């Protein structure tokens, strides 16, 4: 079944077409997220991408994930580390 509305890649939600401006449709960013500072938009997009990674990663996705483990933003770094440990079993095992 096809979803109604349009996908915002910052907040990761499907919203009504009216929630997007003219430029927002092409950029896939809703009006509410477009008002955020660019740094916060980038952080939310990265967190959204980390949460939506497939279980089987390509080599490019694995490199991207490893680079996010060295990110300067603590939330991104922590989530990337958790995602990497879940997939590749690095860390403490009980």
N, C-alpha and C. Protein backbone atom coordinates (compact mmCIF):
# COMPACT_ATOMS: atom_id res chain seq x y z
N UNK A 1 0.84 -1.18 0.00
CA UNK A 1 0.00 0.00 0.00
C UNK A 1 0.89 1.24 0.00
N UNK A 2 0.55 2.17 -0.86
CA UNK A 2 1.33 3.39 -0.97
C UNK A 2 0.95 4.36 0.15
N UNK A 3 1.96 5.02 0.72
CA UNK A 3 1.70 5.97 1.79
C UNK A 3 1.22 7.30 1.22
N UNK A 4 0.35 7.94 1.96
CA UNK A 4 -0.13 9.26 1.58
C UNK A 4 0.84 10.31 2.06
N UNK A 5 1.02 11.37 1.31
CA UNK A 5 1.87 12.46 1.74
C UNK A 5 3.25 12.37 1.15
N UNK A 6 4.17 13.01 1.85
CA UNK A 6 5.54 13.16 1.37
C UNK A 6 6.48 12.86 2.53
N UNK A 7 7.65 12.32 2.25
CA UNK A 7 8.61 11.92 3.28
C UNK A 7 9.58 13.06 3.57
N UNK A 8 9.77 13.39 4.85
CA UNK A 8 10.77 14.38 5.27
C UNK A 8 12.00 13.62 5.74
N UNK A 9 13.15 13.89 5.12
CA UNK A 9 14.35 13.14 5.49
C UNK A 9 15.03 13.68 6.74
N UNK A 10 14.57 14.79 7.29
CA UNK A 10 15.13 15.29 8.54
C UNK A 10 14.44 14.62 9.73
N UNK A 11 13.11 14.70 9.77
CA UNK A 11 12.39 14.11 10.91
C UNK A 11 11.98 12.67 10.65
N UNK A 12 12.05 12.21 9.39
CA UNK A 12 11.76 10.82 9.08
C UNK A 12 10.29 10.47 9.10
N UNK A 13 9.41 11.45 8.93
CA UNK A 13 7.98 11.22 8.97
C UNK A 13 7.35 11.48 7.60
N UNK A 14 6.23 10.82 7.36
CA UNK A 14 5.42 11.11 6.19
C UNK A 14 4.42 12.18 6.61
N UNK A 15 4.39 13.28 5.87
CA UNK A 15 3.50 14.39 6.20
C UNK A 15 2.70 14.77 4.97
N UNK A 16 1.63 15.51 5.20
CA UNK A 16 0.78 15.98 4.10
C UNK A 16 1.58 16.89 3.17
N UNK A 17 1.18 16.93 1.93
CA UNK A 17 1.87 17.75 0.94
C UNK A 17 1.88 19.22 1.34
N UNK A 18 0.87 19.65 2.06
CA UNK A 18 0.78 21.05 2.48
C UNK A 18 1.85 21.42 3.50
N UNK A 19 2.46 20.45 4.13
CA UNK A 19 3.50 20.70 5.13
C UNK A 19 4.85 21.00 4.49
N UNK A 20 4.92 20.97 3.17
CA UNK A 20 6.17 21.23 2.45
C UNK A 20 6.03 22.49 1.62
N UNK A 21 7.09 23.29 1.60
CA UNK A 21 7.10 24.47 0.72
C UNK A 21 7.50 24.02 -0.68
N UNK A 22 7.58 24.96 -1.61
CA UNK A 22 7.96 24.63 -2.97
C UNK A 22 9.34 24.01 -3.04
N UNK A 23 10.31 24.63 -2.37
CA UNK A 23 11.67 24.08 -2.36
C UNK A 23 11.76 22.85 -1.47
N UNK A 24 10.90 22.77 -0.47
CA UNK A 24 10.91 21.64 0.46
C UNK A 24 10.53 20.33 -0.20
N UNK A 25 9.65 20.39 -1.20
CA UNK A 25 9.27 19.17 -1.91
C UNK A 25 10.49 18.54 -2.57
N UNK A 26 11.27 19.36 -3.26
CA UNK A 26 12.44 18.84 -3.97
C UNK A 26 13.52 18.38 -3.01
N UNK A 27 13.67 19.09 -1.90
CA UNK A 27 14.72 18.75 -0.93
C UNK A 27 14.27 17.70 0.08
N UNK A 28 12.96 17.38 0.08
CA UNK A 28 12.37 16.42 1.03
C UNK A 28 12.54 16.90 2.47
N UNK A 29 12.32 18.19 2.69
CA UNK A 29 12.40 18.76 4.04
C UNK A 29 11.12 19.54 4.29
N UNK A 30 10.39 19.20 5.37
CA UNK A 30 9.13 19.87 5.67
C UNK A 30 9.39 21.28 6.20
N UNK A 31 8.33 22.06 6.28
CA UNK A 31 8.46 23.46 6.71
C UNK A 31 9.00 23.56 8.14
N UNK A 32 8.56 22.68 9.02
CA UNK A 32 9.02 22.73 10.42
C UNK A 32 10.52 22.45 10.51
N UNK A 33 10.99 21.48 9.77
CA UNK A 33 12.42 21.13 9.80
C UNK A 33 13.26 22.16 9.06
N UNK A 34 12.68 22.83 8.07
CA UNK A 34 13.41 23.84 7.31
C UNK A 34 13.76 25.04 8.19
N UNK A 35 12.99 25.25 9.26
CA UNK A 35 13.24 26.37 10.16
C UNK A 35 14.37 26.08 11.15
N UNK A 36 14.78 24.85 11.27
CA UNK A 36 15.86 24.49 12.18
C UNK A 36 17.20 25.00 11.65
N UNK A 37 18.16 25.24 12.55
CA UNK A 37 19.49 25.62 12.08
C UNK A 37 20.12 24.48 11.27
N UNK A 38 21.00 24.81 10.32
CA UNK A 38 21.60 23.76 9.46
C UNK A 38 22.33 22.68 10.24
N UNK A 39 22.97 23.03 11.36
CA UNK A 39 23.69 22.03 12.15
C UNK A 39 22.72 21.00 12.74
N UNK A 40 21.57 21.50 13.23
CA UNK A 40 20.60 20.57 13.82
C UNK A 40 19.93 19.73 12.73
N UNK A 41 19.68 20.32 11.56
CA UNK A 41 19.14 19.54 10.45
C UNK A 41 20.07 18.40 10.08
N UNK A 42 21.36 18.70 9.99
CA UNK A 42 22.34 17.68 9.62
C UNK A 42 22.41 16.58 10.67
N UNK A 43 22.35 16.97 11.95
CA UNK A 43 22.41 15.97 13.01
C UNK A 43 21.18 15.07 12.97
N UNK A 44 20.00 15.65 12.81
CA UNK A 44 18.77 14.86 12.76
C UNK A 44 18.74 13.94 11.53
N UNK A 45 19.24 14.42 10.40
CA UNK A 45 19.29 13.58 9.20
C UNK A 45 20.23 12.40 9.41
N UNK A 46 21.36 12.65 10.08
CA UNK A 46 22.32 11.58 10.34
C UNK A 46 21.72 10.56 11.31
N UNK A 47 21.06 11.03 12.38
CA UNK A 47 20.43 10.12 13.33
C UNK A 47 19.32 9.31 12.66
N UNK A 48 18.55 9.95 11.79
CA UNK A 48 17.49 9.26 11.07
C UNK A 48 18.09 8.18 10.16
N UNK A 49 19.17 8.51 9.48
CA UNK A 49 19.82 7.53 8.59
C UNK A 49 20.40 6.37 9.39
N UNK A 50 20.96 6.66 10.57
CA UNK A 50 21.50 5.59 11.42
C UNK A 50 20.40 4.65 11.88
N UNK A 51 19.25 5.20 12.23
CA UNK A 51 18.14 4.37 12.69
C UNK A 51 17.54 3.52 11.58
N UNK A 52 17.67 3.96 10.34
CA UNK A 52 17.06 3.26 9.22
C UNK A 52 18.05 2.43 8.40
N UNK A 53 19.23 2.18 8.93
CA UNK A 53 20.20 1.36 8.20
C UNK A 53 19.69 -0.08 8.08
N UNK A 54 19.90 -0.70 6.94
CA UNK A 54 19.52 -2.11 6.82
C UNK A 54 20.46 -3.00 7.65
N UNK A 55 20.02 -4.21 7.93
CA UNK A 55 20.85 -5.10 8.76
C UNK A 55 22.12 -5.52 8.02
N UNK A 56 21.99 -5.86 6.75
CA UNK A 56 23.15 -6.22 5.94
C UNK A 56 23.68 -4.95 5.29
N UNK A 57 24.89 -4.56 5.63
CA UNK A 57 25.46 -3.32 5.12
C UNK A 57 26.38 -3.58 3.93
N UNK A 58 26.33 -2.68 2.97
CA UNK A 58 27.30 -2.74 1.87
C UNK A 58 28.63 -2.21 2.40
N UNK A 59 29.67 -2.35 1.62
CA UNK A 59 30.98 -1.86 2.08
C UNK A 59 30.96 -0.35 2.24
N UNK A 60 30.25 0.37 1.38
CA UNK A 60 30.17 1.83 1.50
C UNK A 60 29.40 2.22 2.76
N UNK A 61 28.33 1.50 3.07
CA UNK A 61 27.56 1.79 4.28
C UNK A 61 28.37 1.48 5.53
N UNK A 62 29.17 0.42 5.48
CA UNK A 62 30.00 0.07 6.63
C UNK A 62 31.05 1.15 6.88
N UNK A 63 31.66 1.66 5.83
CA UNK A 63 32.64 2.74 5.97
C UNK A 63 31.97 3.99 6.52
N UNK A 64 30.77 4.31 6.02
CA UNK A 64 30.03 5.48 6.50
C UNK A 64 29.73 5.32 8.00
N UNK A 65 29.31 4.12 8.42
CA UNK A 65 29.01 3.87 9.82
C UNK A 65 30.27 3.99 10.68
N UNK A 66 31.38 3.48 10.22
CA UNK A 66 32.64 3.60 10.96
C UNK A 66 33.05 5.07 11.11
N UNK A 67 32.83 5.87 10.07
CA UNK A 67 33.15 7.29 10.16
C UNK A 67 32.23 8.01 11.14
N UNK A 68 30.98 7.59 11.25
CA UNK A 68 30.06 8.21 12.20
C UNK A 68 30.45 7.86 13.64
N UNK A 69 31.18 6.77 13.85
CA UNK A 69 31.65 6.42 15.19
C UNK A 69 32.72 7.39 15.67
N UNK A 70 33.29 8.18 14.76
CA UNK A 70 34.30 9.18 15.11
C UNK A 70 33.73 10.60 15.02
N UNK A 71 32.41 10.73 14.92
CA UNK A 71 31.76 12.02 14.75
C UNK A 71 31.96 12.89 15.98
N UNK A 72 31.96 14.20 15.80
CA UNK A 72 32.16 15.13 16.91
C UNK A 72 30.91 15.28 17.77
N UNK A 73 29.74 14.93 17.23
CA UNK A 73 28.48 15.04 17.97
C UNK A 73 28.28 13.78 18.82
N UNK A 74 28.11 13.94 20.13
CA UNK A 74 28.04 12.76 21.02
C UNK A 74 26.85 11.84 20.74
N UNK A 75 25.68 12.38 20.40
CA UNK A 75 24.52 11.53 20.14
C UNK A 75 24.74 10.66 18.90
N UNK A 76 25.32 11.26 17.87
CA UNK A 76 25.60 10.53 16.63
C UNK A 76 26.64 9.46 16.90
N UNK A 77 27.69 9.82 17.61
CA UNK A 77 28.78 8.89 17.90
C UNK A 77 28.27 7.68 18.70
N UNK A 78 27.42 7.94 19.70
CA UNK A 78 26.92 6.86 20.55
C UNK A 78 25.98 5.92 19.77
N UNK A 79 25.08 6.49 18.98
CA UNK A 79 24.15 5.66 18.21
C UNK A 79 24.90 4.85 17.16
N UNK A 80 25.90 5.45 16.53
CA UNK A 80 26.70 4.72 15.53
C UNK A 80 27.45 3.56 16.19
N UNK A 81 27.98 3.78 17.37
CA UNK A 81 28.68 2.72 18.09
C UNK A 81 27.72 1.58 18.42
N UNK A 82 26.51 1.92 18.88
CA UNK A 82 25.52 0.89 19.20
C UNK A 82 25.12 0.09 17.96
N UNK A 83 24.93 0.79 16.85
CA UNK A 83 24.55 0.12 15.60
C UNK A 83 25.67 -0.81 15.13
N UNK A 84 26.91 -0.36 15.24
CA UNK A 84 28.05 -1.17 14.80
C UNK A 84 28.20 -2.42 15.68
N UNK A 85 28.06 -2.23 17.00
CA UNK A 85 28.17 -3.37 17.92
C UNK A 85 27.06 -4.38 17.69
N UNK A 86 25.86 -3.90 17.39
CA UNK A 86 24.73 -4.81 17.15
C UNK A 86 24.97 -5.67 15.90
N UNK A 87 25.59 -5.09 14.89
CA UNK A 87 25.80 -5.81 13.64
C UNK A 87 27.05 -6.68 13.63
N UNK A 88 28.10 -6.21 14.26
CA UNK A 88 29.38 -6.90 14.13
C UNK A 88 29.89 -7.49 15.43
N UNK A 89 29.13 -7.38 16.52
CA UNK A 89 29.45 -8.06 17.76
C UNK A 89 30.69 -7.58 18.47
N UNK A 90 31.10 -6.37 18.25
CA UNK A 90 32.25 -5.82 18.95
C UNK A 90 31.77 -5.29 20.29
N UNK A 91 32.46 -5.61 21.33
CA UNK A 91 32.08 -5.11 22.65
C UNK A 91 31.98 -6.23 23.66
N UNK A 92 31.38 -5.91 24.79
CA UNK A 92 31.25 -6.89 25.87
C UNK A 92 30.17 -7.90 25.55
N UNK A 93 30.46 -9.13 25.85
CA UNK A 93 29.45 -10.19 25.71
C UNK A 93 29.30 -10.87 27.06
N UNK A 94 28.07 -11.05 27.44
CA UNK A 94 27.80 -11.68 28.75
C UNK A 94 27.40 -13.10 28.59
